[in-house]
PDB file of N, CA and C in Angstrom:
ATOM      1  N   MET A   1      41.531  98.990  61.941  1.00  0.00           N
ATOM      2  CA  MET A   1      42.586  99.712  61.239  1.00  0.00           C
ATOM      3  C   MET A   1      43.908  98.993  61.505  1.00  0.00           C
ATOM      4  N   SER A   2      44.630  98.717  60.487  1.00  0.00           N
ATOM      5  CA  SER A   2      45.925  98.058  60.664  1.00  0.00           C
ATOM      6  C   SER A   2      47.000  99.110  60.887  1.00  0.00           C
ATOM      7  N   ALA A   3      48.145  98.646  61.380  1.00  0.00           N
ATOM      8  CA  ALA A   3      49.250  99.566  61.677  1.00  0.00           C
ATOM      9  C   ALA A   3      49.763 100.234  60.407  1.00  0.00           C
ATOM     10  N   ARG A   4      49.651  99.576  59.274  1.00  0.00           N
ATOM     11  CA  ARG A   4      50.135 100.161  58.019  1.00  0.00           C
ATOM     12  C   ARG A   4      49.254 101.314  57.553  1.00  0.00           C
ATOM     13  N   GLU A   5      48.009 101.371  57.971  1.00  0.00           N
ATOM     14  CA  GLU A   5      47.108 102.440  57.555  1.00  0.00           C
ATOM     15  C   GLU A   5      47.327 103.718  58.360  1.00  0.00           C
ATOM     16  N   PHE A   6      47.966 103.607  59.503  1.00  0.00           N
ATOM     17  CA  PHE A   6      48.191 104.763  60.363  1.00  0.00           C
ATOM     18  C   PHE A   6      49.446 105.491  59.927  1.00  0.00           C
ATOM     19  N   ASP A   7      49.296 106.771  59.622  1.00  0.00           N
ATOM     20  CA  ASP A   7      50.430 107.597  59.208  1.00  0.00           C
ATOM     21  C   ASP A   7      50.677 108.647  60.292  1.00  0.00           C
ATOM     22  N   PRO A   8      51.720 108.460  61.107  1.00  0.00           N
ATOM     23  CA  PRO A   8      51.977 109.400  62.205  1.00  0.00           C
ATOM     24  C   PRO A   8      52.149 110.845  61.740  1.00  0.00           C
ATOM     25  N   SER A   9      52.787 111.060  60.613  1.00  0.00           N
ATOM     26  CA  SER A   9      52.990 112.442  60.159  1.00  0.00           C
ATOM     27  C   SER A   9      51.662 113.074  59.736  1.00  0.00           C
ATOM     28  N   GLU A  10      50.773 112.293  59.159  1.00  0.00           N
ATOM     29  CA  GLU A  10      49.448 112.806  58.792  1.00  0.00           C
ATOM     30  C   GLU A  10      48.643 113.127  60.050  1.00  0.00           C
ATOM     31  N   PHE A  11      48.728 112.247  61.035  1.00  0.00           N
ATOM     32  CA  PHE A  11      48.045 112.505  62.295  1.00  0.00           C
ATOM     33  C   PHE A  11      48.598 113.772  62.945  1.00  0.00           C
ATOM     34  N   GLY A  12      49.922 113.904  62.977  1.00  0.00           N
ATOM     35  CA  GLY A  12      50.549 115.079  63.578  1.00  0.00           C
ATOM     36  C   GLY A  12      50.107 116.363  62.899  1.00  0.00           C
ATOM     37  N   ALA A  13      50.061 116.354  61.569  1.00  0.00           N
ATOM     38  CA  ALA A  13      49.639 117.542  60.829  1.00  0.00           C
ATOM     39  C   ALA A  13      48.172 117.866  61.112  1.00  0.00           C
ATOM     40  N   SER A  14      47.338 116.835  61.178  1.00  0.00           N
ATOM     41  CA  SER A  14      45.917 117.045  61.474  1.00  0.00           C
ATOM     42  C   SER A  14      45.726 117.583  62.888  1.00  0.00           C
ATOM     43  N   PHE A  15      46.462 117.036  63.830  1.00  0.00           N
ATOM     44  CA  PHE A  15      46.345 117.479  65.214  1.00  0.00           C
ATOM     45  C   PHE A  15      46.841 118.915  65.355  1.00  0.00           C
ATOM     46  N   GLN A  16      47.918 119.252  64.678  1.00  0.00           N
ATOM     47  CA  GLN A  16      48.432 120.618  64.701  1.00  0.00           C
ATOM     48  C   GLN A  16      47.383 121.577  64.160  1.00  0.00           C
ATOM     49  N   ARG A  17      46.737 121.209  63.069  1.00  0.00           N
ATOM     50  CA  ARG A  17      45.693 122.064  62.485  1.00  0.00           C
ATOM     51  C   ARG A  17      44.529 122.221  63.474  1.00  0.00           C
ATOM     52  N   PHE A  18      44.157 121.128  64.137  1.00  0.00           N
ATOM     53  CA  PHE A  18      43.108 121.179  65.141  1.00  0.00           C
ATOM     54  C   PHE A  18      43.454 122.180  66.243  1.00  0.00           C
ATOM     55  N   LEU A  19      44.683 122.119  66.753  1.00  0.00           N
ATOM     56  CA  LEU A  19      45.100 123.040  67.819  1.00  0.00           C
ATOM     57  C   LEU A  19      45.070 124.485  67.339  1.00  0.00           C
ATOM     58  N   GLU A  20      45.469 124.718  66.095  1.00  0.00           N
ATOM     59  CA  GLU A  20      45.441 126.074  65.545  1.00  0.00           C
ATOM     60  C   GLU A  20      44.011 126.589  65.444  1.00  0.00           C
ATOM     61  N   LEU A  21      43.072 125.730  65.037  1.00  0.00           N
ATOM     62  CA  LEU A  21      41.669 126.129  64.942  1.00  0.00           C
ATOM     63  C   LEU A  21      41.085 126.431  66.313  1.00  0.00           C
ATOM     64  N   VAL A  22      41.447 125.629  67.310  1.00  0.00           N
ATOM     65  CA  VAL A  22      40.973 125.878  68.672  1.00  0.00           C
ATOM     66  C   VAL A  22      41.507 127.218  69.160  1.00  0.00           C
ATOM     67  N   GLU A  23      42.772 127.473  68.921  1.00  0.00           N
ATOM     68  CA  GLU A  23      43.374 128.737  69.350  1.00  0.00           C
ATOM     69  C   GLU A  23      42.697 129.921  68.662  1.00  0.00           C
ATOM     70  N   GLN A  24      42.425 129.799  67.371  1.00  0.00           N
ATOM     71  CA  GLN A  24      41.768 130.879  66.632  1.00  0.00           C
ATOM     72  C   GLN A  24      40.360 131.127  67.146  1.00  0.00           C
ATOM     73  N   SER A  25      39.657 130.064  67.517  1.00  0.00           N
ATOM     74  CA  SER A  25      38.269 130.219  67.948  1.00  0.00           C
ATOM     75  C   SER A  25      38.156 130.894  69.312  1.00  0.00           C
ATOM     76  N   THR A  26      39.220 130.886  70.092  1.00  0.00           N
ATOM     77  CA  THR A  26      39.171 131.512  71.417  1.00  0.00           C
ATOM     78  C   THR A  26      39.986 132.798  71.481  1.00  0.00           C
ATOM     79  N   GLU A  27      40.545 133.214  70.364  1.00  0.00           N
ATOM     80  CA  GLU A  27      41.365 134.420  70.343  1.00  0.00           C
ATOM     81  C   GLU A  27      40.549 135.637  70.755  1.00  0.00           C
ATOM     82  N   GLY A  28      41.084 136.410  71.674  1.00  0.00           N
ATOM     83  CA  GLY A  28      40.422 137.622  72.116  1.00  0.00           C
ATOM     84  C   GLY A  28      39.341 137.405  73.154  1.00  0.00           C
ATOM     85  N   ARG A  29      39.113 136.160  73.540  1.00  0.00           N
ATOM     86  CA  ARG A  29      38.095 135.871  74.554  1.00  0.00           C
ATOM     87  C   ARG A  29      38.762 135.230  75.759  1.00  0.00           C
ATOM     88  N   ASP A  30      38.347 135.641  76.909  1.00  0.00           N
ATOM     89  CA  ASP A  30      38.823 135.009  78.134  1.00  0.00           C
ATOM     90  C   ASP A  30      38.005 133.754  78.390  1.00  0.00           C
ATOM     91  N   THR A  31      38.675 132.704  78.792  1.00  0.00           N
ATOM     92  CA  THR A  31      37.967 131.513  79.218  1.00  0.00           C
ATOM     93  C   THR A  31      37.497 131.747  80.647  1.00  0.00           C
ATOM     94  N   PRO A  32      36.531 130.982  81.129  1.00  0.00           N
ATOM     95  CA  PRO A  32      36.101 131.147  82.521  1.00  0.00           C
ATOM     96  C   PRO A  32      37.266 131.002  83.507  1.00  0.00           C
ATOM     97  N   PHE A  33      38.173 130.082  83.231  1.00  0.00           N
ATOM     98  CA  PHE A  33      39.320 129.882  84.116  1.00  0.00           C
ATOM     99  C   PHE A  33      40.218 131.118  84.112  1.00  0.00           C
ATOM    100  N   GLU A  34      40.466 131.684  82.937  1.00  0.00           N
ATOM    101  CA  GLU A  34      41.289 132.895  82.860  1.00  0.00           C
ATOM    102  C   GLU A  34      40.638 134.054  83.616  1.00  0.00           C
ATOM    103  N   SER A  35      39.315 134.158  83.496  1.00  0.00           N
ATOM    104  CA  SER A  35      38.596 135.224  84.205  1.00  0.00           C
ATOM    105  C   SER A  35      38.726 135.064  85.712  1.00  0.00           C
ATOM    106  N   LEU A  36      38.604 133.824  86.198  1.00  0.00           N
ATOM    107  CA  LEU A  36      38.752 133.571  87.637  1.00  0.00           C
ATOM    108  C   LEU A  36      40.159 133.901  88.118  1.00  0.00           C
ATOM    109  N   LEU A  37      41.160 133.511  87.334  1.00  0.00           N
ATOM    110  CA  LEU A  37      42.544 133.821  87.711  1.00  0.00           C
ATOM    111  C   LEU A  37      42.786 135.329  87.734  1.00  0.00           C
ATOM    112  N   ALA A  38      42.300 136.017  86.714  1.00  0.00           N
ATOM    113  CA  ALA A  38      42.486 137.469  86.645  1.00  0.00           C
ATOM    114  C   ALA A  38      41.808 138.154  87.819  1.00  0.00           C
ATOM    115  N   GLU A  39      40.615 137.692  88.158  1.00  0.00           N
ATOM    116  CA  GLU A  39      39.902 138.280  89.299  1.00  0.00           C
ATOM    117  C   GLU A  39      40.654 138.019  90.603  1.00  0.00           C
ATOM    118  N   HIS A  40      41.151 136.799  90.759  1.00  0.00           N
ATOM    119  CA  HIS A  40      41.837 136.438  91.996  1.00  0.00           C
ATOM    120  C   HIS A  40      43.160 137.182  92.169  1.00  0.00           C
ATOM    121  N   PHE A  41      43.964 137.214  91.102  1.00  0.00           N
ATOM    122  CA  PHE A  41      45.299 137.806  91.200  1.00  0.00           C
ATOM    123  C   PHE A  41      45.325 139.286  90.830  1.00  0.00           C
ATOM    124  N   GLY A  42      44.274 139.788  90.208  1.00  0.00           N
ATOM    125  CA  GLY A  42      44.222 141.198  89.833  1.00  0.00           C
ATOM    126  C   GLY A  42      45.129 141.560  88.680  1.00  0.00           C
ATOM    127  N   THR A  43      45.455 140.591  87.842  1.00  0.00           N
ATOM    128  CA  THR A  43      46.317 140.842  86.686  1.00  0.00           C
ATOM    129  C   THR A  43      46.022 139.815  85.596  1.00  0.00           C
ATOM    130  N   ASP A  44      46.520 140.071  84.406  1.00  0.00           N
ATOM    131  CA  ASP A  44      46.314 139.183  83.270  1.00  0.00           C
ATOM    132  C   ASP A  44      47.106 137.888  83.462  1.00  0.00           C
ATOM    133  N   PRO A  45      46.436 136.734  83.528  1.00  0.00           N
ATOM    134  CA  PRO A  45      47.152 135.487  83.768  1.00  0.00           C
ATOM    135  C   PRO A  45      48.063 135.055  82.613  1.00  0.00           C
ATOM    136  N   SER A  46      47.868 135.633  81.430  1.00  0.00           N
ATOM    137  CA  SER A  46      48.745 135.258  80.317  1.00  0.00           C
ATOM    138  C   SER A  46      50.164 135.774  80.513  1.00  0.00           C
ATOM    139  N   GLU A  47      50.343 136.681  81.469  1.00  0.00           N
ATOM    140  CA  GLU A  47      51.668 137.220  81.774  1.00  0.00           C
ATOM    141  C   GLU A  47      52.422 136.396  82.817  1.00  0.00           C
ATOM    142  N   PHE A  48      51.761 135.411  83.402  1.00  0.00           N
ATOM    143  CA  PHE A  48      52.412 134.572  84.409  1.00  0.00           C
ATOM    144  C   PHE A  48      53.512 133.726  83.781  1.00  0.00           C
ATOM    145  N   PRO A  49      54.609 133.493  84.485  1.00  0.00           N
ATOM    146  CA  PRO A  49      55.645 132.609  83.956  1.00  0.00           C
ATOM    147  C   PRO A  49      55.153 131.154  83.974  1.00  0.00           C
ATOM    148  N   VAL A  50      55.644 130.390  83.030  1.00  0.00           N
ATOM    149  CA  VAL A  50      55.318 128.964  82.974  1.00  0.00           C
ATOM    150  C   VAL A  50      56.409 128.213  83.714  1.00  0.00           C
ATOM    151  N   ILE A  51      56.006 127.437  84.697  1.00  0.00           N
ATOM    152  CA  ILE A  51      56.957 126.701  85.518  1.00  0.00           C
ATOM    153  C   ILE A  51      56.593 125.232  85.477  1.00  0.00           C
ATOM    154  N   ALA A  52      57.572 124.382  85.334  1.00  0.00           N
ATOM    155  CA  ALA A  52      57.334 122.937  85.301  1.00  0.00           C
ATOM    156  C   ALA A  52      58.402 122.243  86.114  1.00  0.00           C
ATOM    157  N   GLU A  53      58.031 121.114  86.662  1.00  0.00           N
ATOM    158  CA  GLU A  53      58.997 120.298  87.387  1.00  0.00           C
ATOM    159  C   GLU A  53      58.718 118.837  87.072  1.00  0.00           C
ATOM    160  N   SER A  54      59.743 118.127  86.716  1.00  0.00           N
ATOM    161  CA  SER A  54      59.586 116.700  86.445  1.00  0.00           C
ATOM    162  C   SER A  54      59.703 115.935  87.749  1.00  0.00           C
ATOM    163  N   LEU A  55      58.812 114.988  87.927  1.00  0.00           N
ATOM    164  CA  LEU A  55      58.838 114.153  89.116  1.00  0.00           C
ATOM    165  C   LEU A  55      59.055 112.705  88.715  1.00  0.00           C
ATOM    166  N   GLY A  56      59.807 112.011  89.520  1.00  0.00           N
ATOM    167  CA  GLY A  56      59.990 110.588  89.286  1.00  0.00           C
ATOM    168  C   GLY A  56      58.729 109.825  89.658  1.00  0.00           C
ATOM    169  N   ALA A  57      58.592 108.645  89.134  1.00  0.00           N
ATOM    170  CA  ALA A  57      57.406 107.831  89.393  1.00  0.00           C
ATOM    171  C   ALA A  57      57.229 107.567  90.885  1.00  0.00           C
ATOM    172  N   THR A  58      58.317 107.485  91.628  1.00  0.00           N
ATOM    173  CA  THR A  58      58.211 107.216  93.064  1.00  0.00           C
ATOM    174  C   THR A  58      57.717 108.427  93.843  1.00  0.00           C
ATOM    175  N   ASP A  59      57.786 109.628  93.239  1.00  0.00           N
ATOM    176  CA  ASP A  59      57.309 110.838  93.913  1.00  0.00           C
ATOM    177  C   ASP A  59      55.824 111.111  93.671  1.00  0.00           C
ATOM    178  N   LEU A  60      55.231 110.470  92.683  1.00  0.00           N
ATOM    179  CA  LEU A  60      53.842 110.748  92.346  1.00  0.00           C
ATOM    180  C   LEU A  60      52.860 110.427  93.474  1.00  0.00           C
ATOM    181  N   PRO A  61      53.022 109.311  94.196  1.00  0.00           N
ATOM    182  CA  PRO A  61      52.100 109.072  95.321  1.00  0.00           C
ATOM    183  C   PRO A  61      52.196 110.161  96.390  1.00  0.00           C
ATOM    184  N   ASN A  62      53.391 110.663  96.663  1.00  0.00           N
ATOM    185  CA  ASN A  62      53.544 111.738  97.637  1.00  0.00           C
ATOM    186  C   ASN A  62      52.860 113.022  97.159  1.00  0.00           C
ATOM    187  N   LEU A  63      52.968 113.288  95.874  1.00  0.00           N
ATOM    188  CA  LEU A  63      52.297 114.459  95.305  1.00  0.00           C
ATOM    189  C   LEU A  63      50.794 114.308  95.465  1.00  0.00           C
ATOM    190  N   GLN A  64      50.272 113.123  95.176  1.00  0.00           N
ATOM    191  CA  GLN A  64      48.836 112.903  95.312  1.00  0.00           C
ATOM    192  C   GLN A  64      48.394 113.082  96.759  1.00  0.00           C
ATOM    193  N   LEU A  65      49.165 112.584  97.692  1.00  0.00           N
ATOM    194  CA  LEU A  65      48.832 112.765  99.110  1.00  0.00           C
ATOM    195  C   LEU A  65      48.810 114.252  99.488  1.00  0.00           C
ATOM    196  N   ALA A  66      49.770 114.992  98.985  1.00  0.00           N
ATOM    197  CA  ALA A  66      49.836 116.418  99.283  1.00  0.00           C
ATOM    198  C   ALA A  66      48.645 117.160  98.686  1.00  0.00           C
ATOM    199  N   LEU A  67      48.287 116.830  97.452  1.00  0.00           N
ATOM    200  CA  LEU A  67      47.140 117.481  96.816  1.00  0.00           C
ATOM    201  C   LEU A  67      45.841 117.128  97.534  1.00  0.00           C
ATOM    202  N   THR A  68      45.699 115.893  97.924  1.00  0.00           N
ATOM    203  CA  THR A  68      44.509 115.453  98.660  1.00  0.00           C
ATOM    204  C   THR A  68      44.415 116.163 100.001  1.00  0.00           C
ATOM    205  N   ALA A  69      45.526 116.301 100.690  1.00  0.00           N
ATOM    206  CA  ALA A  69      45.543 116.971 101.988  1.00  0.00           C
ATOM    207  C   ALA A  69      45.218 118.462 101.823  1.00  0.00           C
ATOM    208  N   TYR A  70      45.587 119.038 100.706  1.00  0.00           N
ATOM    209  CA  TYR A  70      45.360 120.465 100.466  1.00  0.00           C
ATOM    210  C   TYR A  70      43.874 120.771 100.246  1.00  0.00           C
ATOM    211  N   GLU A  71      43.159 119.788  99.687  1.00  0.00           N
ATOM    212  CA  GLU A  71      41.732 119.986  99.403  1.00  0.00           C
ATOM    213  C   GLU A  71      41.065 120.324 100.666  1.00  0.00           C
TER     214      GLU A  71
END
């Protein structure tokens, strides 16, 4: 496939439709992960706040060490 054949907007629209279909197919059903979270915390995990933190590239090895140590 050449670069001229690739249409980013067409890909974006197709991917968006894919995500919508995935969301529709799981609507009203708990995933195994959601069930485990609900059982552990005793509440609906969809109500949890979404938290994110950006890390610099130099912090990623430290994060990996911390996650490995936590295992």
